C-alpha atoms as a PDB file:
ATOM      1  CA  MET A   1      -7.708  21.108 -38.343  1.00  0.00           C
ATOM      2  CA  LEU A   2      -5.244  20.440 -40.373  1.00  0.00           C
ATOM      3  CA  LEU A   3      -1.786  19.791 -39.505  1.00  0.00           C
ATOM      4  CA  GLU A   4      -0.508  23.474 -41.693  1.00  0.00           C
ATOM      5  CA  GLN A   5      -3.338  25.013 -39.689  1.00  0.00           C
ATOM      6  CA  PHE A   6      -2.433  23.545 -36.207  1.00  0.00           C
ATOM      7  CA  ALA A   7       0.725  26.512 -35.738  1.00  0.00           C
ATOM      8  CA  ASN A   8      -1.160  29.129 -36.909  1.00  0.00           C
ATOM      9  CA  HIS A   9      -2.923  30.021 -34.088  1.00  0.00           C
ATOM     10  CA  GLN A  10       0.027  29.195 -31.566  1.00  0.00           C
ATOM     11  CA  ASN A  11       0.953  32.832 -30.697  1.00  0.00           C
ATOM     12  CA  PRO A  12      -2.604  34.248 -29.882  1.00  0.00           C
ATOM     13  CA  TYR A  13      -2.359  31.346 -27.419  1.00  0.00           C
ATOM     14  CA  LEU A  14       1.201  33.215 -25.737  1.00  0.00           C
ATOM     15  CA  ASN A  15      -0.543  36.376 -25.863  1.00  0.00           C
ATOM     16  CA  MET A  16      -3.358  34.970 -24.181  1.00  0.00           C
ATOM     17  CA  LEU A  17      -0.929  33.674 -21.357  1.00  0.00           C
ATOM     18  CA  VAL A  18       0.622  36.865 -20.755  1.00  0.00           C
ATOM     19  CA  GLN A  19      -2.518  38.626 -20.643  1.00  0.00           C
ATOM     20  CA  GLN A  20      -3.137  35.666 -18.465  1.00  0.00           C
ATOM     21  CA  GLY A  21      -0.127  37.253 -15.576  1.00  0.00           C
ATOM     22  CA  LYS A  22       1.582  34.036 -16.470  1.00  0.00           C
ATOM     23  CA  SER A  23       5.709  35.224 -16.014  1.00  0.00           C
ATOM     24  CA  ALA A  24       8.076  35.705 -19.202  1.00  0.00           C
ATOM     25  CA  HIS A  25       9.841  32.222 -17.719  1.00  0.00           C
ATOM     26  CA  THR A  26       6.186  30.343 -18.076  1.00  0.00           C
ATOM     27  CA  VAL A  27       5.279  31.581 -21.683  1.00  0.00           C
ATOM     28  CA  ALA A  28       8.581  31.114 -22.965  1.00  0.00           C
ATOM     29  CA  ALA A  29       8.708  27.402 -21.721  1.00  0.00           C
ATOM     30  CA  TYR A  30       5.103  27.048 -23.725  1.00  0.00           C
ATOM     31  CA  ARG A  31       6.790  28.531 -26.658  1.00  0.00           C
ATOM     32  CA  ARG A  32       9.528  26.225 -27.078  1.00  0.00           C
ATOM     33  CA  ASP A  33       7.474  23.211 -26.058  1.00  0.00           C
ATOM     34  CA  LEU A  34       4.816  24.000 -28.857  1.00  0.00           C
ATOM     35  CA  ALA A  35       8.048  24.803 -31.049  1.00  0.00           C
ATOM     36  CA  GLN A  36       9.316  21.147 -30.554  1.00  0.00           C
ATOM     37  CA  LEU A  37       5.980  19.831 -31.345  1.00  0.00           C
ATOM     38  CA  GLN A  38       6.028  21.032 -34.723  1.00  0.00           C
ATOM     39  CA  LYS A  39       9.404  19.925 -35.334  1.00  0.00           C
ATOM     40  CA  LEU A  40       8.244  16.047 -34.124  1.00  0.00           C
ATOM     41  CA  MET A  41       4.859  16.527 -36.768  1.00  0.00           C
ATOM     42  CA  PRO A  42       5.539  14.261 -39.512  1.00  0.00           C
ATOM     43  CA  GLN A  43       7.073  16.974 -42.470  1.00  0.00           C
ATOM     44  CA  GLY A  44       5.560  17.579 -45.945  1.00  0.00           C
ATOM     45  CA  ALA A  45       1.914  16.562 -44.381  1.00  0.00           C
ATOM     46  CA  GLY A  46       0.237  20.026 -44.374  1.00  0.00           C
ATOM     47  CA  GLY A  47      -2.725  18.633 -45.774  1.00  0.00           C
ATOM     48  CA  GLU A  48      -2.981  15.789 -43.511  1.00  0.00           C
ATOM     49  CA  THR A  49      -5.964  16.467 -40.530  1.00  0.00           C
ATOM     50  CA  LEU A  50      -4.820  16.261 -37.276  1.00  0.00           C
ATOM     51  CA  HIS A  51      -4.848  12.889 -35.016  1.00  0.00           C
ATOM     52  CA  ARG A  52      -4.182  11.618 -31.514  1.00  0.00           C
ATOM     53  CA  ARG A  53      -1.626   9.708 -34.215  1.00  0.00           C
ATOM     54  CA  HIS A  54       0.593  12.470 -34.702  1.00  0.00           C
ATOM     55  CA  PHE A  55       0.644  13.493 -30.687  1.00  0.00           C
ATOM     56  CA  THR A  56       1.426   9.391 -29.567  1.00  0.00           C
ATOM     57  CA  ALA A  57       4.179   9.821 -32.451  1.00  0.00           C
ATOM     58  CA  ALA A  58       5.783  13.234 -30.796  1.00  0.00           C
ATOM     59  CA  LEU A  59       6.139  11.366 -27.318  1.00  0.00           C
ATOM     60  CA  LYS A  60       7.388   8.135 -28.877  1.00  0.00           C
ATOM     61  CA  LYS A  61      10.052  10.707 -30.617  1.00  0.00           C
ATOM     62  CA  LEU A  62      10.707  12.088 -27.131  1.00  0.00           C
ATOM     63  CA  SER A  63      11.750   9.240 -26.031  1.00  0.00           C
ATOM     64  CA  GLN A  64      14.214   7.875 -28.702  1.00  0.00           C
ATOM     65  CA  LEU A  65      15.749  10.876 -27.872  1.00  0.00           C
ATOM     66  CA  GLU A  66      15.867   9.684 -24.617  1.00  0.00           C
ATOM     67  CA  ALA A  67      13.866  12.627 -23.206  1.00  0.00           C
ATOM     68  CA  HIS A  68      13.290  12.463 -19.345  1.00  0.00           C
ATOM     69  CA  GLN A  69       9.929  11.232 -18.810  1.00  0.00           C
ATOM     70  CA  ARG A  70       8.828  14.096 -15.987  1.00  0.00           C
ATOM     71  CA  SER A  71      10.398  16.266 -18.907  1.00  0.00           C
ATOM     72  CA  MET A  72       7.778  14.452 -21.479  1.00  0.00           C
ATOM     73  CA  ALA A  73       5.010  15.039 -18.870  1.00  0.00           C
ATOM     74  CA  ARG A  74       5.314  18.501 -18.829  1.00  0.00           C
ATOM     75  CA  LYS A  75       5.376  18.747 -22.316  1.00  0.00           C
ATOM     76  CA  LEU A  76       2.542  16.573 -23.077  1.00  0.00           C
ATOM     77  CA  SER A  77       0.743  19.043 -20.528  1.00  0.00           C
ATOM     78  CA  ALA A  78       1.431  21.834 -22.157  1.00  0.00           C
ATOM     79  CA  TRP A  79       0.081  20.162 -25.629  1.00  0.00           C
ATOM     80  CA  ARG A  80      -2.908  19.187 -23.957  1.00  0.00           C
ATOM     81  CA  GLN A  81      -3.649  22.467 -22.962  1.00  0.00           C
ATOM     82  CA  TYR A  82      -3.061  24.337 -26.041  1.00  0.00           C
ATOM     83  CA  CYS A  83      -5.830  21.689 -27.739  1.00  0.00           C
ATOM     84  CA  GLY A  84      -8.061  22.780 -24.786  1.00  0.00           C
ATOM     85  CA  TRP A  85      -7.833  25.862 -25.473  1.00  0.00           C
ATOM     86  CA  LEU A  86      -8.286  25.272 -29.550  1.00  0.00           C
ATOM     87  CA  VAL A  87     -11.584  23.568 -28.555  1.00  0.00           C
ATOM     88  CA  ARG A  88     -12.494  26.437 -26.466  1.00  0.00           C
ATOM     89  CA  GLN A  89     -12.266  28.696 -29.024  1.00  0.00           C
ATOM     90  CA  GLY A  90     -13.798  26.600 -31.215  1.00  0.00           C
ATOM     91  CA  LEU A  91     -11.134  26.125 -33.831  1.00  0.00           C
ATOM     92  CA  LEU A  92     -10.622  22.138 -32.708  1.00  0.00           C
ATOM     93  CA  ASP A  93     -13.724  19.837 -33.294  1.00  0.00           C
ATOM     94  CA  ALA A  94     -12.061  17.841 -30.521  1.00  0.00           C
ATOM     95  CA  ASP A  95      -8.875  17.205 -28.573  1.00  0.00           C
ATOM     96  CA  PRO A  96      -6.368  14.362 -29.815  1.00  0.00           C
ATOM     97  CA  THR A  97      -4.922  14.963 -26.816  1.00  0.00           C
ATOM     98  CA  GLU A  98      -7.670  13.557 -24.399  1.00  0.00           C
ATOM     99  CA  GLY A  99      -7.242  10.480 -22.867  1.00  0.00           C
ATOM    100  CA  LEU A 100      -3.358   9.848 -23.626  1.00  0.00           C
ATOM    101  CA  ARG A 101      -1.045   9.311 -20.806  1.00  0.00           C
ATOM    102  CA  ALA A 102       2.036  11.195 -19.734  1.00  0.00           C
ATOM    103  CA  PRO A 103       4.768   8.617 -19.636  1.00  0.00           C
ATOM    104  CA  LYS A 104       5.057   7.301 -15.233  1.00  0.00           C
ATOM    105  CA  PRO A 105       8.313   8.779 -14.355  1.00  0.00           C
ATOM    106  CA  PRO A 106      10.745   6.078 -12.895  1.00  0.00           C
ATOM    107  CA  GLU A 107      10.281   4.948  -9.249  1.00  0.00           C
ATOM    108  CA  ARG A 108      12.693   6.930  -6.749  1.00  0.00           C
ATOM    109  CA  LEU A 109      14.423   4.334  -5.168  1.00  0.00           C
ATOM    110  CA  PRO A 110      15.721   5.369  -1.453  1.00  0.00           C
ATOM    111  CA  LYS A 111      19.033   5.849  -0.227  1.00  0.00           C
ATOM    112  CA  ALA A 112      20.454   2.672   1.551  1.00  0.00           C
ATOM    113  CA  LEU A 113      23.150   3.520   4.119  1.00  0.00           C
ATOM    114  CA  GLU A 114      26.460   1.055   4.502  1.00  0.00           C
ATOM    115  CA  GLN A 115      26.677  -1.067   7.306  1.00  0.00           C
ATOM    116  CA  GLU A 116      29.904   0.009   8.170  1.00  0.00           C
ATOM    117  CA  THR A 117      28.876   3.930   8.467  1.00  0.00           C
ATOM    118  CA  LEU A 118      25.996   2.859  10.328  1.00  0.00           C
ATOM    119  CA  ASN A 119      28.181   1.458  12.922  1.00  0.00           C
ATOM    120  CA  ASN A 120      30.240   3.781  13.273  1.00  0.00           C
ATOM    121  CA  LEU A 121      27.547   6.783  13.986  1.00  0.00           C
ATOM    122  CA  LEU A 122      25.824   4.179  16.353  1.00  0.00           C
ATOM    123  CA  ASP A 123      28.504   2.320  18.331  1.00  0.00           C
ATOM    124  CA  ASN A 124      30.446   5.769  18.358  1.00  0.00           C
ATOM    125  CA  ASP A 125      27.621   7.204  20.031  1.00  0.00           C
ATOM    126  CA  THR A 126      28.680   8.156  23.946  1.00  0.00           C
ATOM    127  CA  ASP A 127      27.086  11.518  24.973  1.00  0.00           C
ATOM    128  CA  SER A 128      25.005  10.508  28.306  1.00  0.00           C
ATOM    129  CA  GLU A 129      23.137  13.413  28.170  1.00  0.00           C
ATOM    130  CA  PRO A 130      19.732  13.114  28.168  1.00  0.00           C
ATOM    131  CA  LEU A 131      17.761  14.186  24.911  1.00  0.00           C
ATOM    132  CA  SER A 132      21.436  12.386  23.466  1.00  0.00           C
ATOM    133  CA  VAL A 133      20.523   8.807  25.728  1.00  0.00           C
ATOM    134  CA  ARG A 134      16.974   9.239  23.987  1.00  0.00           C
ATOM    135  CA  ASP A 135      17.999  10.089  20.333  1.00  0.00           C
ATOM    136  CA  HIS A 136      20.270   6.599  20.724  1.00  0.00           C
ATOM    137  CA  ALA A 137      17.463   4.044  21.613  1.00  0.00           C
ATOM    138  CA  LEU A 138      14.935   6.240  18.217  1.00  0.00           C
ATOM    139  CA  PHE A 139      18.015   5.664  16.207  1.00  0.00           C
ATOM    140  CA  GLU A 140      18.805   2.507  16.879  1.00  0.00           C
ATOM    141  CA  LEU A 141      14.965   1.013  17.084  1.00  0.00           C
ATOM    142  CA  MET A 142      14.256   2.797  13.740  1.00  0.00           C
ATOM    143  CA  TYR A 143      17.303   1.243  12.006  1.00  0.00           C
ATOM    144  CA  GLY A 144      16.988  -2.239  14.342  1.00  0.00           C
ATOM    145  CA  SER A 145      13.532  -2.611  13.002  1.00  0.00           C
ATOM    146  CA  GLY A 146      13.104  -0.894   9.804  1.00  0.00           C
ATOM    147  CA  LEU A 147       9.641   1.603  11.691  1.00  0.00           C
ATOM    148  CA  ARG A 148       8.610   4.014   9.675  1.00  0.00           C
ATOM    149  CA  VAL A 149       8.543   7.709  11.115  1.00  0.00           C
ATOM    150  CA  GLY A 150       4.918   7.390  11.294  1.00  0.00           C
ATOM    151  CA  GLU A 151       4.885   4.197  13.327  1.00  0.00           C
ATOM    152  CA  VAL A 152       8.600   5.034  15.858  1.00  0.00           C
ATOM    153  CA  TYR A 153       6.078   8.257  16.337  1.00  0.00           C
ATOM    154  CA  GLY A 154       3.257   6.277  17.630  1.00  0.00           C
ATOM    155  CA  LEU A 155       4.868   3.781  19.646  1.00  0.00           C
ATOM    156  CA  ASP A 156       3.342   3.614  23.681  1.00  0.00           C
ATOM    157  CA  ILE A 157       5.737   2.588  26.289  1.00  0.00           C
ATOM    158  CA  GLU A 158       3.321  -0.679  26.088  1.00  0.00           C
ATOM    159  CA  ASP A 159       4.409  -1.563  22.830  1.00  0.00           C
ATOM    160  CA  VAL A 160       7.850  -2.064  23.348  1.00  0.00           C
ATOM    161  CA  LEU A 161       8.376  -5.821  25.393  1.00  0.00           C
ATOM    162  CA  LEU A 162      11.812  -5.454  26.164  1.00  0.00           C
ATOM    163  CA  ASP A 163      11.371  -9.106  27.826  1.00  0.00           C
ATOM    164  CA  GLU A 164       9.861 -10.600  25.422  1.00  0.00           C
ATOM    165  CA  GLY A 165      11.805  -9.034  22.581  1.00  0.00           C
ATOM    166  CA  TRP A 166       9.371  -7.564  20.366  1.00  0.00           C
ATOM    167  CA  VAL A 167       7.828  -4.522  19.533  1.00  0.00           C
ATOM    168  CA  GLY A 168       4.566  -4.314  18.071  1.00  0.00           C
ATOM    169  CA  VAL A 169       3.958  -1.474  15.080  1.00  0.00           C
ATOM    170  CA  THR A 170       0.143   0.137  14.251  1.00  0.00           C
ATOM    171  CA  GLY A 171       1.450   0.765  10.116  1.00  0.00           C
ATOM    172  CA  LYS A 172      -0.497   2.176   7.536  1.00  0.00           C
ATOM    173  CA  GLY A 173      -4.188   1.502   7.681  1.00  0.00           C
ATOM    174  CA  GLY A 174      -4.321   0.440  11.307  1.00  0.00           C
ATOM    175  CA  LYS A 175      -2.565  -2.592  10.082  1.00  0.00           C
ATOM    176  CA  GLN A 176      -0.398  -4.679  13.455  1.00  0.00           C
ATOM    177  CA  ARG A 177       2.058  -6.165  13.234  1.00  0.00           C
ATOM    178  CA  ARG A 178       5.102  -7.668  15.262  1.00  0.00           C
ATOM    179  CA  VAL A 179       9.005  -6.663  14.591  1.00  0.00           C
ATOM    180  CA  PRO A 180      11.539  -8.297  16.455  1.00  0.00           C
ATOM    181  CA  LEU A 181      14.114  -5.884  18.577  1.00  0.00           C
ATOM    182  CA  GLY A 182      17.537  -6.230  18.008  1.00  0.00           C
ATOM    183  CA  SER A 183      20.163  -6.437  20.848  1.00  0.00           C
ATOM    184  CA  LYS A 184      20.860  -2.983  20.672  1.00  0.00           C
ATOM    185  CA  SER A 185      17.740  -1.326  20.227  1.00  0.00           C
ATOM    186  CA  ILE A 186      17.406  -3.392  23.706  1.00  0.00           C
ATOM    187  CA  GLU A 187      19.623  -1.917  25.244  1.00  0.00           C
ATOM    188  CA  ALA A 188      20.020   1.438  24.353  1.00  0.00           C
ATOM    189  CA  VAL A 189      15.635   1.674  24.944  1.00  0.00           C
ATOM    190  CA  LYS A 190      16.721   0.070  28.604  1.00  0.00           C
ATOM    191  CA  ALA A 191      19.270   2.699  29.040  1.00  0.00           C
ATOM    192  CA  TYR A 192      16.479   5.363  27.908  1.00  0.00           C
ATOM    193  CA  LEU A 193      13.389   4.875  30.092  1.00  0.00           C
ATOM    194  CA  PRO A 194      14.741   5.788  33.646  1.00  0.00           C
ATOM    195  CA  GLN A 195      15.481   9.010  31.692  1.00  0.00           C
ATOM    196  CA  ARG A 196      12.331   9.396  30.005  1.00  0.00           C
ATOM    197  CA  ALA A 197       9.960  12.600  30.710  1.00  0.00           C
ATOM    198  CA  ALA A 198       6.630  12.063  31.598  1.00  0.00           C
ATOM    199  CA  ALA A 199       3.755  15.178  31.459  1.00  0.00           C
ATOM    200  CA  GLY A 200       0.514  13.757  33.046  1.00  0.00           C
ATOM    201  CA  ARG A 201      -0.614  10.177  31.897  1.00  0.00           C
ATOM    202  CA  GLU A 202       1.647  10.506  28.637  1.00  0.00           C
ATOM    203  CA  THR A 203       1.713   6.829  27.228  1.00  0.00           C
ATOM    204  CA  ALA A 204       4.567   8.080  24.233  1.00  0.00           C
ATOM    205  CA  LEU A 205       7.473   6.293  23.750  1.00  0.00           C
ATOM    206  CA  PHE A 206       9.476   8.560  23.028  1.00  0.00           C
ATOM    207  CA  THR A 207       8.747  12.071  24.042  1.00  0.00           C
ATOM    208  CA  SER A 208      10.738  15.943  24.415  1.00  0.00           C
ATOM    209  CA  ARG A 209      11.986  17.785  26.934  1.00  0.00           C
ATOM    210  CA  VAL A 210       8.996  18.498  28.206  1.00  0.00           C
ATOM    211  CA  GLY A 211       7.847  15.088  28.268  1.00  0.00           C
ATOM    212  CA  ARG A 212       5.535  15.240  24.960  1.00  0.00           C
ATOM    213  CA  ARG A 213       4.982  13.076  22.420  1.00  0.00           C
ATOM    214  CA  LEU A 214       7.828  13.795  20.584  1.00  0.00           C
ATOM    215  CA  SER A 215       6.372  15.215  16.814  1.00  0.00           C
ATOM    216  CA  ILE A 216       7.524  13.943  13.103  1.00  0.00           C
ATOM    217  CA  ARG A 217       8.917  16.623  12.135  1.00  0.00           C
ATOM    218  CA  GLN A 218      10.674  16.660  15.407  1.00  0.00           C
ATOM    219  CA  ILE A 219      12.241  12.676  14.871  1.00  0.00           C
ATOM    220  CA  GLN A 220      13.774  13.668  11.351  1.00  0.00           C
ATOM    221  CA  ASN A 221      15.216  16.970  13.016  1.00  0.00           C
ATOM    222  CA  ARG A 222      16.961  14.756  16.120  1.00  0.00           C
ATOM    223  CA  LEU A 223      18.409  12.577  13.046  1.00  0.00           C
ATOM    224  CA  ARG A 224      19.764  15.067  10.794  1.00  0.00           C
ATOM    225  CA  ASP A 225      20.831  16.552  13.461  1.00  0.00           C
ATOM    226  CA  TRP A 226      22.484  13.180  15.328  1.00  0.00           C
ATOM    227  CA  ALA A 227      23.810  12.406  11.968  1.00  0.00           C
ATOM    228  CA  LEU A 228      25.787  15.971  11.090  1.00  0.00           C
ATOM    229  CA  ARG A 229      27.060  15.932  15.105  1.00  0.00           C
ATOM    230  CA  HIS A 230      28.452  12.274  14.508  1.00  0.00           C
ATOM    231  CA  GLY A 231      30.321  13.355  11.432  1.00  0.00           C
ATOM    232  CA  SER A 232      27.853  11.297   8.861  1.00  0.00           C
ATOM    233  CA  PRO A 233      29.394  12.187   5.088  1.00  0.00           C
ATOM    234  CA  GLN A 234      25.830  12.888   4.346  1.00  0.00           C
ATOM    235  CA  HIS A 235      22.166  13.836   5.617  1.00  0.00           C
ATOM    236  CA  ILE A 236      20.410  10.933   6.890  1.00  0.00           C
ATOM    237  CA  SER A 237      16.323  10.419   6.860  1.00  0.00           C
ATOM    238  CA  PRO A 238      14.435   7.636   8.558  1.00  0.00           C
ATOM    239  CA  HIS A 239      13.669   6.527   5.094  1.00  0.00           C
ATOM    240  CA  MET A 240      17.183   5.944   4.481  1.00  0.00           C
ATOM    241  CA  LEU A 241      16.853   3.945   8.221  1.00  0.00           C
ATOM    242  CA  ARG A 242      13.993   1.603   7.216  1.00  0.00           C
ATOM    243  CA  HIS A 243      15.722   1.270   3.929  1.00  0.00           C
ATOM    244  CA  SER A 244      19.158   0.492   4.754  1.00  0.00           C
ATOM    245  CA  PHE A 245      17.650  -2.086   7.672  1.00  0.00           C
ATOM    246  CA  ALA A 246      15.547  -3.661   4.654  1.00  0.00           C
ATOM    247  CA  SER A 247      17.961  -3.846   2.063  1.00  0.00           C
ATOM    248  CA  HIS A 248      20.917  -5.207   4.890  1.00  0.00           C
ATOM    249  CA  LEU A 249      18.641  -7.586   6.302  1.00  0.00           C
ATOM    250  CA  LEU A 250      17.650  -9.164   2.512  1.00  0.00           C
ATOM    251  CA  GLN A 251      21.372  -8.792   1.276  1.00  0.00           C
ATOM    252  CA  SER A 252      21.839 -11.049   4.668  1.00  0.00           C
ATOM    253  CA  ALA A 253      19.561 -13.372   4.686  1.00  0.00           C
ATOM    254  CA  GLN A 254      18.287 -13.049   0.989  1.00  0.00           C
ATOM    255  CA  ASP A 255      14.641 -14.392   2.011  1.00  0.00           C
ATOM    256  CA  ILE A 256      12.565 -11.255   0.477  1.00  0.00           C
ATOM    257  CA  ARG A 257       8.791 -12.349   1.963  1.00  0.00           C
ATOM    258  CA  ALA A 258      10.700 -12.353   5.674  1.00  0.00           C
ATOM    259  CA  VAL A 259      11.148  -8.912   4.725  1.00  0.00           C
ATOM    260  CA  GLN A 260       7.956  -8.291   3.128  1.00  0.00           C
ATOM    261  CA  GLU A 261       6.632  -9.290   6.696  1.00  0.00           C
ATOM    262  CA  LEU A 262       8.860  -7.219   9.086  1.00  0.00           C
ATOM    263  CA  LEU A 263       8.267  -4.315   6.667  1.00  0.00           C
ATOM    264  CA  GLY A 264       4.953  -4.265   6.597  1.00  0.00           C
ATOM    265  CA  HIS A 265       4.030  -4.208   3.045  1.00  0.00           C
ATOM    266  CA  SER A 266       1.210  -5.987   1.578  1.00  0.00           C
ATOM    267  CA  ARG A 267       2.297  -5.852  -1.931  1.00  0.00           C
ATOM    268  CA  LEU A 268       5.464  -8.153  -2.586  1.00  0.00           C
ATOM    269  CA  SER A 269       6.488  -5.984  -5.914  1.00  0.00           C
ATOM    270  CA  THR A 270       7.047  -2.640  -3.402  1.00  0.00           C
ATOM    271  CA  THR A 271       9.911  -5.005  -0.958  1.00  0.00           C
ATOM    272  CA  GLN A 272      11.127  -5.830  -4.423  1.00  0.00           C
ATOM    273  CA  ILE A 273      11.805  -1.877  -5.088  1.00  0.00           C
ATOM    274  CA  TYR A 274      11.880  -0.293  -1.780  1.00  0.00           C
ATOM    275  CA  THR A 275      15.184  -3.787  -1.422  1.00  0.00           C
ATOM    276  CA  LYS A 276      16.602  -3.419  -4.347  1.00  0.00           C
ATOM    277  CA  LEU A 277      19.919  -4.950  -4.627  1.00  0.00           C
ATOM    278  CA  ASP A 278      23.021  -4.598  -6.562  1.00  0.00           C
ATOM    279  CA  PHE A 279      24.107  -5.969  -9.773  1.00  0.00           C
ATOM    280  CA  ASP A 280      26.590  -7.536  -8.834  1.00  0.00           C
ATOM    281  CA  HIS A 281      25.027  -8.698  -5.685  1.00  0.00           C
ATOM    282  CA  LEU A 282      22.226 -10.590  -8.153  1.00  0.00           C
ATOM    283  CA  ALA A 283      25.263 -11.564 -10.259  1.00  0.00           C
ATOM    284  CA  LYS A 284      27.038 -13.594  -7.656  1.00  0.00           C
ATOM    285  CA  VAL A 285      23.949 -15.118  -5.878  1.00  0.00           C
ATOM    286  CA  TYR A 286      23.184 -16.715  -9.872  1.00  0.00           C
ATOM    287  CA  ASP A 287      26.619 -17.985 -10.259  1.00  0.00           C
ATOM    288  CA  ASP A 288      26.441 -19.280  -6.817  1.00  0.00           C
ATOM    289  CA  ALA A 289      22.487 -21.055  -6.959  1.00  0.00           C
ATOM    290  CA  HIS A 290      21.790 -21.723 -10.544  1.00  0.00           C
ATOM    291  CA  PRO A 291      23.107 -25.181 -11.672  1.00  0.00           C
ATOM    292  CA  ARG A 292      23.618 -23.824 -15.048  1.00  0.00           C
ATOM    293  CA  ALA A 293      25.820 -20.796 -14.343  1.00  0.00           C
ATOM    294  CA  LYS A 294      28.636 -22.480 -12.703  1.00  0.00           C
ATOM    295  CA  ARG A 295      31.870 -21.484 -13.613  1.00  0.00           C
ATOM    296  CA  LYS A 296      34.402 -23.957 -14.723  1.00  0.00           C
ATOM    297  CA  LYS A 297      37.107 -24.248 -12.491  1.00  0.00           C
ATOM    298  CA  GLU A 298      40.543 -23.036 -14.072  1.00  0.00           C
END
């Protein structure tokens, strides 16, 4: 198929989408994406045969225009579906977009809370109501040991060794590790245990009002409500507590391998993303440590 012929079948294709019951919003989005593709194709090359390189060049131009990577992925998907339709209609011998990869969206970094914010929220929790005492212990443990929400959900009483200062954790893939307990966590768990409700032979460390293992959804909801009740300026999730643990520890210890072990990451690259330091901190470390970076004193 020639480049000049590529656009000739767009209206029949869009009409087909309408007949399939696609919404007006969806059809309009396809129309815009195909129209933009035409603008990105080489101008004045109508007699040229359609080729994969034309789509690769279109993606490159989008990137130069600083299009968002998620937007680029969506546009490529629309182009693929149009080309697939052309092939099924016998209008195109082969799909020039086959195997063409959309750009990967950037890794979304979890947010870390300021140390002062977390300290204020945890230290000011003086409610002696049993569920509040339980929640305080739960959140102290999650932040103090950097546990995933699924890991704290799965904890049994026997996993927490308060006298030895360790908690045994079963992480992703059934991998087990031991993580130190902070003094605040030990203190909070000790205050909670005498009030812990248990139904039958329930072994869970953290239980509900009726004595059953606290679910992941309940943990998430309790953390959300606890943060609101204690005046948090932002929403707090279990993931944010874990990231805050990692970031604060790395900023203090600057030992990424140790943080990797504590978090239970099998790959260091995961920890590097998870515990991203701000540039100012990295620049200070560089200035203080590198022999060629030391600045002359005035």
